[in-house]
Every structure is written in C-alpha cells, then in structure tokens.
Amino acid sequence: MTINKVQNGTAMEISLEGRLDTTTSPSLEKELNDILPSVDSLVFDFSKLDYISSAGLRVLLAAHKVMSRKGGMKLVHVNEIVQEVFDVTGFADILNIE
C-alpha cells in the first residue's frame, strides 16, 4: 500500500493506494499516530484503495474517535468494493463518507 499525505495548515489529506489489510494497516496506524495530534481536519481519499480488511477498519475507527473530538474526518472517492465492506460492517453509519 502507498500512503500519500498533503497537509494544508491543520488540514491533512491522506490518499491510500492498494490494499489496507493486516500487513499494511500498521504502517497507516504509525503515520496517523504521528500526525493526528497536529491536525484538526482529516480527509481520506480512497479513489485508489482496492481492498480494506478488519485490520484497516480498526485503524479507521481509532482515527475517527480522535478526530471526532476535533474538526472531523471524512472519506471521499470510496469505490463500490470498499463501500460494500462499510455497508456490511455498519461502518457506513459511523464514518462520514462522501
């Protein structure tokens, strides 16, 4: 998985490319632990994310909990495969997906 970050002041956009699974989620978790204290707004661009597993969902949920106390977090450009995972797991009701 490739993680691309663009920061604009206290806003951060993270684009993920590939698979967010058991193997790759620790990398994203580390990146988030480093940046979340300094950002007020977080946007995930999932236009190139092919797959998400329960390990990836756990990382997103942890980020959502932190960001809900700040400016918020949203997911954009979610494809049908990933959206289906969000729908089946109930994450579609928790996360802000545009």
PDB file of N, CA and C in Angstrom:
ATOM      1  N   MET A   1       0.848  -1.174   0.000  1.00  0.00           N
ATOM      2  CA  MET A   1       0.000   0.000   0.000  1.00  0.00           C
ATOM      3  C   MET A   1       0.892   1.234   0.000  1.00  0.00           C
ATOM      4  N   THR A   2       0.454   2.235  -0.728  1.00  0.00           N
ATOM      5  CA  THR A   2       1.145   3.510  -0.779  1.00  0.00           C
ATOM      6  C   THR A   2       0.322   4.544  -0.023  1.00  0.00           C
ATOM      7  N   ILE A   3       0.985   5.325   0.824  1.00  0.00           N
ATOM      8  CA  ILE A   3       0.337   6.383   1.596  1.00  0.00           C
ATOM      9  C   ILE A   3       0.893   7.719   1.129  1.00  0.00           C
ATOM     10  N   ASN A   4       0.025   8.573   0.599  1.00  0.00           N
ATOM     11  CA  ASN A   4       0.417   9.923   0.183  1.00  0.00           C
ATOM     12  C   ASN A   4      -0.283  10.930   1.077  1.00  0.00           C
ATOM     13  N   LYS A   5       0.482  11.874   1.610  1.00  0.00           N
ATOM     14  CA  LYS A   5      -0.079  12.874   2.522  1.00  0.00           C
ATOM     15  C   LYS A   5       0.132  14.270   1.951  1.00  0.00           C
ATOM     16  N   VAL A   6      -0.897  15.101   2.100  1.00  0.00           N
ATOM     17  CA  VAL A   6      -0.808  16.508   1.745  1.00  0.00           C
ATOM     18  C   VAL A   6      -1.382  17.290   2.909  1.00  0.00           C
ATOM     19  N   GLN A   7      -0.549  18.151   3.503  1.00  0.00           N
ATOM     20  CA  GLN A   7      -1.009  18.950   4.645  1.00  0.00           C
ATOM     21  C   GLN A   7      -1.147  20.402   4.219  1.00  0.00           C
ATOM     22  N   ASN A   8      -2.252  20.999   4.631  1.00  0.00           N
ATOM     23  CA  ASN A   8      -2.511  22.412   4.375  1.00  0.00           C
ATOM     24  C   ASN A   8      -2.897  23.019   5.712  1.00  0.00           C
ATOM     25  N   GLY A   9      -1.932  23.598   6.404  1.00  0.00           N
ATOM     26  CA  GLY A   9      -2.178  24.115   7.747  1.00  0.00           C
ATOM     27  C   GLY A   9      -2.477  22.972   8.689  1.00  0.00           C
ATOM     28  N   THR A  10      -3.660  23.009   9.297  1.00  0.00           N
ATOM     29  CA  THR A  10      -4.038  21.931  10.221  1.00  0.00           C
ATOM     30  C   THR A  10      -4.960  20.905   9.550  1.00  0.00           C
ATOM     31  N   ALA A  11      -5.087  20.993   8.229  1.00  0.00           N
ATOM     32  CA  ALA A  11      -5.885  20.022   7.469  1.00  0.00           C
ATOM     33  C   ALA A  11      -4.946  19.034   6.781  1.00  0.00           C
ATOM     34  N   MET A  12      -5.314  17.766   6.836  1.00  0.00           N
ATOM     35  CA  MET A  12      -4.496  16.724   6.228  1.00  0.00           C
ATOM     36  C   MET A  12      -5.358  15.880   5.306  1.00  0.00           C
ATOM     37  N   GLU A  13      -4.840  15.629   4.099  1.00  0.00           N
ATOM     38  CA  GLU A  13      -5.491  14.682   3.190  1.00  0.00           C
ATOM     39  C   GLU A  13      -4.532  13.522   2.985  1.00  0.00           C
ATOM     40  N   ILE A  14      -5.053  12.316   3.174  1.00  0.00           N
ATOM     41  CA  ILE A  14      -4.269  11.100   3.001  1.00  0.00           C
ATOM     42  C   ILE A  14      -4.909  10.277   1.893  1.00  0.00           C
ATOM     43  N   SER A  15      -4.118   9.978   0.873  1.00  0.00           N
ATOM     44  CA  SER A  15      -4.561   9.123  -0.223  1.00  0.00           C
ATOM     45  C   SER A  15      -3.917   7.754  -0.059  1.00  0.00           C
ATOM     46  N   LEU A  16      -4.743   6.737  -0.119  1.00  0.00           N
ATOM     47  CA  LEU A  16      -4.247   5.370   0.008  1.00  0.00           C
ATOM     48  C   LEU A  16      -4.371   4.660  -1.332  1.00  0.00           C
ATOM     49  N   GLU A  17      -3.334   3.893  -1.671  1.00  0.00           N
ATOM     50  CA  GLU A  17      -3.336   3.149  -2.923  1.00  0.00           C
ATOM     51  C   GLU A  17      -2.964   1.707  -2.637  1.00  0.00           C
ATOM     52  N   GLY A  18      -3.806   0.782  -3.089  1.00  0.00           N
ATOM     53  CA  GLY A  18      -3.533  -0.636  -2.878  1.00  0.00           C
ATOM     54  C   GLY A  18      -4.506  -1.260  -1.899  1.00  0.00           C
ATOM     55  N   ARG A  19      -3.963  -2.064  -0.969  1.00  0.00           N
ATOM     56  CA  ARG A  19      -4.778  -2.822  -0.016  1.00  0.00           C
ATOM     57  C   ARG A  19      -4.480  -2.367   1.409  1.00  0.00           C
ATOM     58  N   LEU A  20      -5.533  -2.093   2.165  1.00  0.00           N
ATOM     59  CA  LEU A  20      -5.399  -1.775   3.586  1.00  0.00           C
ATOM     60  C   LEU A  20      -5.836  -3.022   4.352  1.00  0.00           C
ATOM     61  N   ASP A  21      -4.841  -3.815   4.762  1.00  0.00           N
ATOM     62  CA  ASP A  21      -5.125  -5.101   5.384  1.00  0.00           C
ATOM     63  C   ASP A  21      -4.205  -5.339   6.579  1.00  0.00           C
ATOM     64  N   THR A  22      -4.154  -6.558   7.038  1.00  0.00           N
ATOM     65  CA  THR A  22      -3.355  -6.908   8.215  1.00  0.00           C
ATOM     66  C   THR A  22      -1.884  -6.555   8.029  1.00  0.00           C
ATOM     67  N   THR A  23      -1.378  -6.712   6.835  1.00  0.00           N
ATOM     68  CA  THR A  23       0.026  -6.435   6.552  1.00  0.00           C
ATOM     69  C   THR A  23       0.322  -4.943   6.498  1.00  0.00           C
ATOM     70  N   THR A  24      -0.590  -4.160   5.924  1.00  0.00           N
ATOM     71  CA  THR A  24      -0.308  -2.740   5.676  1.00  0.00           C
ATOM     72  C   THR A  24      -0.891  -1.789   6.717  1.00  0.00           C
ATOM     73  N   SER A  25      -1.879  -2.230   7.473  1.00  0.00           N
ATOM     74  CA  SER A  25      -2.520  -1.317   8.433  1.00  0.00           C
ATOM     75  C   SER A  25      -1.566  -0.792   9.509  1.00  0.00           C
ATOM     76  N   PRO A  26      -0.560  -1.551   9.966  1.00  0.00           N
ATOM     77  CA  PRO A  26       0.374  -0.967  10.941  1.00  0.00           C
ATOM     78  C   PRO A  26       1.113   0.276  10.405  1.00  0.00           C
ATOM     79  N   SER A  27       1.397   0.300   9.113  1.00  0.00           N
ATOM     80  CA  SER A  27       2.051   1.477   8.517  1.00  0.00           C
ATOM     81  C   SER A  27       1.145   2.702   8.595  1.00  0.00           C
ATOM     82  N   LEU A  28      -0.128   2.514   8.262  1.00  0.00           N
ATOM     83  CA  LEU A  28      -1.074   3.629   8.341  1.00  0.00           C
ATOM     84  C   LEU A  28      -1.270   4.056   9.787  1.00  0.00           C
ATOM     85  N   GLU A  29      -1.365   3.093  10.682  1.00  0.00           N
ATOM     86  CA  GLU A  29      -1.545   3.415  12.098  1.00  0.00           C
ATOM     87  C   GLU A  29      -0.381   4.258  12.624  1.00  0.00           C
ATOM     88  N   LYS A  30       0.838   3.912  12.242  1.00  0.00           N
ATOM     89  CA  LYS A  30       2.007   4.676  12.667  1.00  0.00           C
ATOM     90  C   LYS A  30       1.954   6.098  12.106  1.00  0.00           C
ATOM     91  N   GLU A  31       1.633   6.230  10.823  1.00  0.00           N
ATOM     92  CA  GLU A  31       1.515   7.556  10.204  1.00  0.00           C
ATOM     93  C   GLU A  31       0.472   8.400  10.941  1.00  0.00           C
ATOM     94  N   LEU A  32      -0.673   7.802  11.240  1.00  0.00           N
ATOM     95  CA  LEU A  32      -1.739   8.536  11.918  1.00  0.00           C
ATOM     96  C   LEU A  32      -1.335   8.942  13.330  1.00  0.00           C
ATOM     97  N   ASN A  33      -0.662   8.056  14.042  1.00  0.00           N
ATOM     98  CA  ASN A  33      -0.206   8.393  15.392  1.00  0.00           C
ATOM     99  C   ASN A  33       0.752   9.581  15.376  1.00  0.00           C
ATOM    100  N   ASP A  34       1.523   9.703  14.300  1.00  0.00           N
ATOM    101  CA  ASP A  34       2.460  10.809  14.175  1.00  0.00           C
ATOM    102  C   ASP A  34       1.767  12.132  13.827  1.00  0.00           C
ATOM    103  N   ILE A  35       0.710  12.074  13.001  1.00  0.00           N
ATOM    104  CA  ILE A  35       0.122  13.317  12.502  1.00  0.00           C
ATOM    105  C   ILE A  35      -1.144  13.775  13.223  1.00  0.00           C
ATOM    106  N   LEU A  36      -1.909  12.871  13.799  1.00  0.00           N
ATOM    107  CA  LEU A  36      -3.203  13.265  14.378  1.00  0.00           C
ATOM    108  C   LEU A  36      -3.101  14.344  15.458  1.00  0.00           C
ATOM    109  N   PRO A  37      -2.071  14.351  16.287  1.00  0.00           N
ATOM    110  CA  PRO A  37      -2.012  15.418  17.292  1.00  0.00           C
ATOM    111  C   PRO A  37      -1.915  16.834  16.699  1.00  0.00           C
ATOM    112  N   SER A  38      -1.418  16.939  15.474  1.00  0.00           N
ATOM    113  CA  SER A  38      -1.192  18.272  14.900  1.00  0.00           C
ATOM    114  C   SER A  38      -2.220  18.684  13.851  1.00  0.00           C
ATOM    115  N   VAL A  39      -3.250  17.857  13.608  1.00  0.00           N
ATOM    116  CA  VAL A  39      -4.255  18.219  12.603  1.00  0.00           C
ATOM    117  C   VAL A  39      -5.638  18.357  13.234  1.00  0.00           C
ATOM    118  N   ASP A  40      -6.444  19.226  12.621  1.00  0.00           N
ATOM    119  CA  ASP A  40      -7.813  19.443  13.075  1.00  0.00           C
ATOM    120  C   ASP A  40      -8.837  18.872  12.099  1.00  0.00           C
ATOM    121  N   SER A  41      -8.386  18.576  10.894  1.00  0.00           N
ATOM    122  CA  SER A  41      -9.284  18.049   9.868  1.00  0.00           C
ATOM    123  C   SER A  41      -8.537  16.964   9.098  1.00  0.00           C
ATOM    124  N   LEU A  42      -9.229  15.853   8.841  1.00  0.00           N
ATOM    125  CA  LEU A  42      -8.597  14.727   8.161  1.00  0.00           C
ATOM    126  C   LEU A  42      -9.518  14.209   7.066  1.00  0.00           C
ATOM    127  N   VAL A  43      -8.970  14.089   5.859  1.00  0.00           N
ATOM    128  CA  VAL A  43      -9.708  13.557   4.718  1.00  0.00           C
ATOM    129  C   VAL A  43      -8.921  12.376   4.165  1.00  0.00           C
ATOM    130  N   PHE A  44      -9.612  11.255   3.986  1.00  0.00           N
ATOM    131  CA  PHE A  44      -9.019  10.098   3.331  1.00  0.00           C
ATOM    132  C   PHE A  44      -9.563  10.023   1.910  1.00  0.00           C
ATOM    133  N   ASP A  45      -8.672   9.976   0.932  1.00  0.00           N
ATOM    134  CA  ASP A  45      -9.054   9.771  -0.464  1.00  0.00           C
ATOM    135  C   ASP A  45      -8.847   8.292  -0.776  1.00  0.00           C
ATOM    136  N   PHE A  46      -9.949   7.594  -1.015  1.00  0.00           N
ATOM    137  CA  PHE A  46      -9.898   6.150  -1.265  1.00  0.00           C
ATOM    138  C   PHE A  46     -10.075   5.815  -2.737  1.00  0.00           C
ATOM    139  N   SER A  47      -9.838   6.766  -3.640  1.00  0.00           N
ATOM    140  CA  SER A  47     -10.058   6.515  -5.066  1.00  0.00           C
ATOM    141  C   SER A  47      -9.182   5.386  -5.599  1.00  0.00           C
ATOM    142  N   LYS A  48      -8.023   5.132  -4.972  1.00  0.00           N
ATOM    143  CA  LYS A  48      -7.125   4.073  -5.439  1.00  0.00           C
ATOM    144  C   LYS A  48      -6.974   2.939  -4.425  1.00  0.00           C
ATOM    145  N   LEU A  49      -7.886   2.899  -3.447  1.00  0.00           N
ATOM    146  CA  LEU A  49      -7.865   1.810  -2.459  1.00  0.00           C
ATOM    147  C   LEU A  49      -8.663   0.647  -3.021  1.00  0.00           C
ATOM    148  N   ASP A  50      -7.998  -0.515  -3.148  1.00  0.00           N
ATOM    149  CA  ASP A  50      -8.618  -1.681  -3.774  1.00  0.00           C
ATOM    150  C   ASP A  50      -9.372  -2.566  -2.783  1.00  0.00           C
ATOM    151  N   TYR A  51      -8.952  -2.548  -1.513  1.00  0.00           N
ATOM    152  CA  TYR A  51      -9.486  -3.511  -0.547  1.00  0.00           C
ATOM    153  C   TYR A  51      -9.246  -2.986   0.865  1.00  0.00           C
ATOM    154  N   ILE A  52     -10.167  -3.315   1.774  1.00  0.00           N
ATOM    155  CA  ILE A  52      -9.969  -2.989   3.187  1.00  0.00           C
ATOM    156  C   ILE A  52     -10.417  -4.186   4.027  1.00  0.00           C
ATOM    157  N   SER A  53      -9.598  -4.551   5.009  1.00  0.00           N
ATOM    158  CA  SER A  53      -9.915  -5.680   5.892  1.00  0.00           C
ATOM    159  C   SER A  53     -10.332  -5.154   7.259  1.00  0.00           C
ATOM    160  N   SER A  54     -10.623  -6.064   8.163  1.00  0.00           N
ATOM    161  CA  SER A  54     -10.999  -5.664   9.518  1.00  0.00           C
ATOM    162  C   SER A  54      -9.868  -4.920  10.215  1.00  0.00           C
ATOM    163  N   ALA A  55      -8.623  -5.249   9.896  1.00  0.00           N
ATOM    164  CA  ALA A  55      -7.483  -4.535  10.479  1.00  0.00           C
ATOM    165  C   ALA A  55      -7.485  -3.073  10.016  1.00  0.00           C
ATOM    166  N   GLY A  56      -7.817  -2.855   8.762  1.00  0.00           N
ATOM    167  CA  GLY A  56      -7.923  -1.490   8.243  1.00  0.00           C
ATOM    168  C   GLY A  56      -9.089  -0.737   8.864  1.00  0.00           C
ATOM    169  N   LEU A  57     -10.197  -1.434   9.061  1.00  0.00           N
ATOM    170  CA  LEU A  57     -11.364  -0.820   9.704  1.00  0.00           C
ATOM    171  C   LEU A  57     -11.032  -0.379  11.126  1.00  0.00           C
ATOM    172  N   ARG A  58     -10.253  -1.176  11.826  1.00  0.00           N
ATOM    173  CA  ARG A  58      -9.860  -0.837  13.198  1.00  0.00           C
ATOM    174  C   ARG A  58      -9.044   0.461  13.221  1.00  0.00           C
ATOM    175  N   VAL A  59      -8.128   0.616  12.280  1.00  0.00           N
ATOM    176  CA  VAL A  59      -7.308   1.831  12.209  1.00  0.00           C
ATOM    177  C   VAL A  59      -8.188   3.045  11.907  1.00  0.00           C
ATOM    178  N   LEU A  60      -9.135   2.885  10.982  1.00  0.00           N
ATOM    179  CA  LEU A  60     -10.042   3.995  10.658  1.00  0.00           C
ATOM    180  C   LEU A  60     -10.909   4.376  11.853  1.00  0.00           C
ATOM    181  N   LEU A  61     -11.394   3.373  12.586  1.00  0.00           N
ATOM    182  CA  LEU A  61     -12.226   3.651  13.745  1.00  0.00           C
ATOM    183  C   LEU A  61     -11.446   4.410  14.817  1.00  0.00           C
ATOM    184  N   ALA A  62     -10.198   4.021  15.040  1.00  0.00           N
ATOM    185  CA  ALA A  62      -9.361   4.720  16.016  1.00  0.00           C
ATOM    186  C   ALA A  62      -9.134   6.169  15.594  1.00  0.00           C
ATOM    187  N   ALA A  63      -8.877   6.393  14.313  1.00  0.00           N
ATOM    188  CA  ALA A  63      -8.688   7.759  13.810  1.00  0.00           C
ATOM    189  C   ALA A  63      -9.977   8.560  13.939  1.00  0.00           C
ATOM    190  N   HIS A  64     -11.098   7.919  13.638  1.00  0.00           N
ATOM    191  CA  HIS A  64     -12.402   8.583  13.749  1.00  0.00           C
ATOM    192  C   HIS A  64     -12.662   9.040  15.183  1.00  0.00           C
ATOM    193  N   LYS A  65     -12.327   8.204  16.150  1.00  0.00           N
ATOM    194  CA  LYS A  65     -12.541   8.569  17.551  1.00  0.00           C
ATOM    195  C   LYS A  65     -11.728   9.789  17.939  1.00  0.00           C
ATOM    196  N   VAL A  66     -10.475   9.844  17.498  1.00  0.00           N
ATOM    197  CA  VAL A  66      -9.625  11.004  17.797  1.00  0.00           C
ATOM    198  C   VAL A  66     -10.152  12.248  17.087  1.00  0.00           C
ATOM    199  N   MET A  67     -10.472  12.103  15.802  1.00  0.00           N
ATOM    200  CA  MET A  67     -10.869  13.262  15.008  1.00  0.00           C
ATOM    201  C   MET A  67     -12.279  13.750  15.342  1.00  0.00           C
ATOM    202  N   SER A  68     -13.122  12.915  15.919  1.00  0.00           N
ATOM    203  CA  SER A  68     -14.468  13.369  16.286  1.00  0.00           C
ATOM    204  C   SER A  68     -14.416  14.411  17.400  1.00  0.00           C
ATOM    205  N   ARG A  69     -13.328  14.443  18.142  1.00  0.00           N
ATOM    206  CA  ARG A  69     -13.134  15.460  19.182  1.00  0.00           C
ATOM    207  C   ARG A  69     -12.485  16.725  18.620  1.00  0.00           C
ATOM    208  N   LYS A  70     -12.156  16.678  17.350  1.00  0.00           N
ATOM    209  CA  LYS A  70     -11.506  17.817  16.682  1.00  0.00           C
ATOM    210  C   LYS A  70     -12.419  18.296  15.562  1.00  0.00           C
ATOM    211  N   GLY A  71     -11.848  18.571  14.414  1.00  0.00           N
ATOM    212  CA  GLY A  71     -12.608  19.096  13.281  1.00  0.00           C
ATOM    213  C   GLY A  71     -13.314  18.061  12.447  1.00  0.00           C
ATOM    214  N   GLY A  72     -13.057  16.795  12.704  1.00  0.00           N
ATOM    215  CA  GLY A  72     -13.757  15.744  11.978  1.00  0.00           C
ATOM    216  C   GLY A  72     -12.891  15.034  10.957  1.00  0.00           C
ATOM    217  N   MET A  73     -13.461  13.953  10.443  1.00  0.00           N
ATOM    218  CA  MET A  73     -12.784  13.107   9.466  1.00  0.00           C
ATOM    219  C   MET A  73     -13.803  12.691   8.425  1.00  0.00           C
ATOM    220  N   LYS A  74     -13.390  12.687   7.159  1.00  0.00           N
ATOM    221  CA  LYS A  74     -14.289  12.199   6.121  1.00  0.00           C
ATOM    222  C   LYS A  74     -13.522  11.359   5.111  1.00  0.00           C
ATOM    223  N   LEU A  75     -14.263  10.507   4.420  1.00  0.00           N
ATOM    224  CA  LEU A  75     -13.719   9.645   3.385  1.00  0.00           C
ATOM    225  C   LEU A  75     -14.347  10.050   2.064  1.00  0.00           C
ATOM    226  N   VAL A  76     -13.508  10.205   1.043  1.00  0.00           N
ATOM    227  CA  VAL A  76     -14.005  10.601  -0.272  1.00  0.00           C
ATOM    228  C   VAL A  76     -13.553   9.593  -1.322  1.00  0.00           C
ATOM    229  N   HIS A  77     -14.297   9.543  -2.422  1.00  0.00           N
ATOM    230  CA  HIS A  77     -13.976   8.694  -3.576  1.00  0.00           C
ATOM    231  C   HIS A  77     -13.876   7.219  -3.193  1.00  0.00           C
ATOM    232  N   VAL A  78     -14.838   6.745  -2.414  1.00  0.00           N
ATOM    233  CA  VAL A  78     -14.859   5.348  -1.985  1.00  0.00           C
ATOM    234  C   VAL A  78     -15.479   4.512  -3.101  1.00  0.00           C
ATOM    235  N   ASN A  79     -14.749   3.479  -3.548  1.00  0.00           N
ATOM    236  CA  ASN A  79     -15.274   2.650  -4.633  1.00  0.00           C
ATOM    237  C   ASN A  79     -16.319   1.667  -4.107  1.00  0.00           C
ATOM    238  N   GLU A  80     -16.968   0.956  -5.021  1.00  0.00           N
ATOM    239  CA  GLU A  80     -18.073   0.063  -4.656  1.00  0.00           C
ATOM    240  C   GLU A  80     -17.631  -1.086  -3.748  1.00  0.00           C
ATOM    241  N   ILE A  81     -16.450  -1.623  -3.986  1.00  0.00           N
ATOM    242  CA  ILE A  81     -15.968  -2.765  -3.198  1.00  0.00           C
ATOM    243  C   ILE A  81     -15.753  -2.360  -1.744  1.00  0.00           C
ATOM    244  N   VAL A  82     -15.085  -1.246  -1.536  1.00  0.00           N
ATOM    245  CA  VAL A  82     -14.826  -0.762  -0.178  1.00  0.00           C
ATOM    246  C   VAL A  82     -16.127  -0.294   0.464  1.00  0.00           C
ATOM    247  N   GLN A  83     -16.995   0.362  -0.302  1.00  0.00           N
ATOM    248  CA  GLN A  83     -18.270   0.816   0.231  1.00  0.00           C
ATOM    249  C   GLN A  83     -19.112  -0.363   0.717  1.00  0.00           C
ATOM    250  N   GLU A  84     -19.048  -1.463   0.002  1.00  0.00           N
ATOM    251  CA  GLU A  84     -19.797  -2.650   0.416  1.00  0.00           C
ATOM    252  C   GLU A  84     -19.314  -3.161   1.775  1.00  0.00           C
ATOM    253  N   VAL A  85     -18.001  -3.124   1.999  1.00  0.00           N
ATOM    254  CA  VAL A  85     -17.459  -3.528   3.299  1.00  0.00           C
ATOM    255  C   VAL A  85     -17.989  -2.593   4.391  1.00  0.00           C
ATOM    256  N   PHE A  86     -17.998  -1.286   4.108  1.00  0.00           N
ATOM    257  CA  PHE A  86     -18.523  -0.319   5.075  1.00  0.00           C
ATOM    258  C   PHE A  86     -20.007  -0.578   5.356  1.00  0.00           C
ATOM    259  N   ASP A  87     -20.765  -0.883   4.322  1.00  0.00           N
ATOM    260  CA  ASP A  87     -22.198  -1.135   4.484  1.00  0.00           C
ATOM    261  C   ASP A  87     -22.460  -2.394   5.316  1.00  0.00           C
ATOM    262  N   VAL A  88     -21.773  -3.481   4.995  1.00  0.00           N
ATOM    263  CA  VAL A  88     -21.987  -4.765   5.666  1.00  0.00           C
ATOM    264  C   VAL A  88     -21.579  -4.700   7.136  1.00  0.00           C
ATOM    265  N   THR A  89     -20.502  -3.975   7.427  1.00  0.00           N
ATOM    266  CA  THR A  89     -19.988  -3.919   8.800  1.00  0.00           C
ATOM    267  C   THR A  89     -20.658  -2.846   9.649  1.00  0.00           C
ATOM    268  N   GLY A  90     -21.455  -1.976   9.034  1.00  0.00           N
ATOM    269  CA  GLY A  90     -22.088  -0.892   9.772  1.00  0.00           C
ATOM    270  C   GLY A  90     -21.232   0.359   9.861  1.00  0.00           C
ATOM    271  N   PHE A  91     -20.028   0.318   9.300  1.00  0.00           N
ATOM    272  CA  PHE A  91     -19.159   1.488   9.321  1.00  0.00           C
ATOM    273  C   PHE A  91     -19.722   2.637   8.502  1.00  0.00           C
ATOM    274  N   ALA A  92     -20.590   2.327   7.546  1.00  0.00           N
ATOM    275  CA  ALA A  92     -21.219   3.381   6.744  1.00  0.00           C
ATOM    276  C   ALA A  92     -22.070   4.295   7.619  1.00  0.00           C
ATOM    277  N   ASP A  93     -22.564   3.770   8.745  1.00  0.00           N
ATOM    278  CA  ASP A  93     -23.377   4.562   9.653  1.00  0.00           C
ATOM    279  C   ASP A  93     -22.519   5.373  10.628  1.00  0.00           C
ATOM    280  N   ILE A  94     -21.262   4.990  10.771  1.00  0.00           N
ATOM    281  CA  ILE A  94     -20.368   5.643  11.731  1.00  0.00           C
ATOM    282  C   ILE A  94     -19.508   6.714  11.063  1.00  0.00           C
ATOM    283  N   LEU A  95     -18.951   6.376   9.904  1.00  0.00           N
ATOM    284  CA  LEU A  95     -17.999   7.262   9.223  1.00  0.00           C
ATOM    285  C   LEU A  95     -18.715   8.247   8.318  1.00  0.00           C
ATOM    286  N   ASN A  96     -18.083   9.387   8.106  1.00  0.00           N
ATOM    287  CA  ASN A  96     -18.587  10.405   7.179  1.00  0.00           C
ATOM    288  C   ASN A  96     -18.020  10.079   5.798  1.00  0.00           C
ATOM    289  N   ILE A  97     -18.863   9.496   4.940  1.00  0.00           N
ATOM    290  CA  ILE A  97     -18.433   9.071   3.608  1.00  0.00           C
ATOM    291  C   ILE A  97     -19.138   9.942   2.576  1.00  0.00           C
ATOM    292  N   GLU A  98     -18.340  10.594   1.744  1.00  0.00           N
ATOM    293  CA  GLU A  98     -18.920  11.463   0.698  1.00  0.00           C
ATOM    294  C   GLU A  98     -18.660  10.887  -0.673  1.00  0.00           C
TER     295      GLU A  98
END
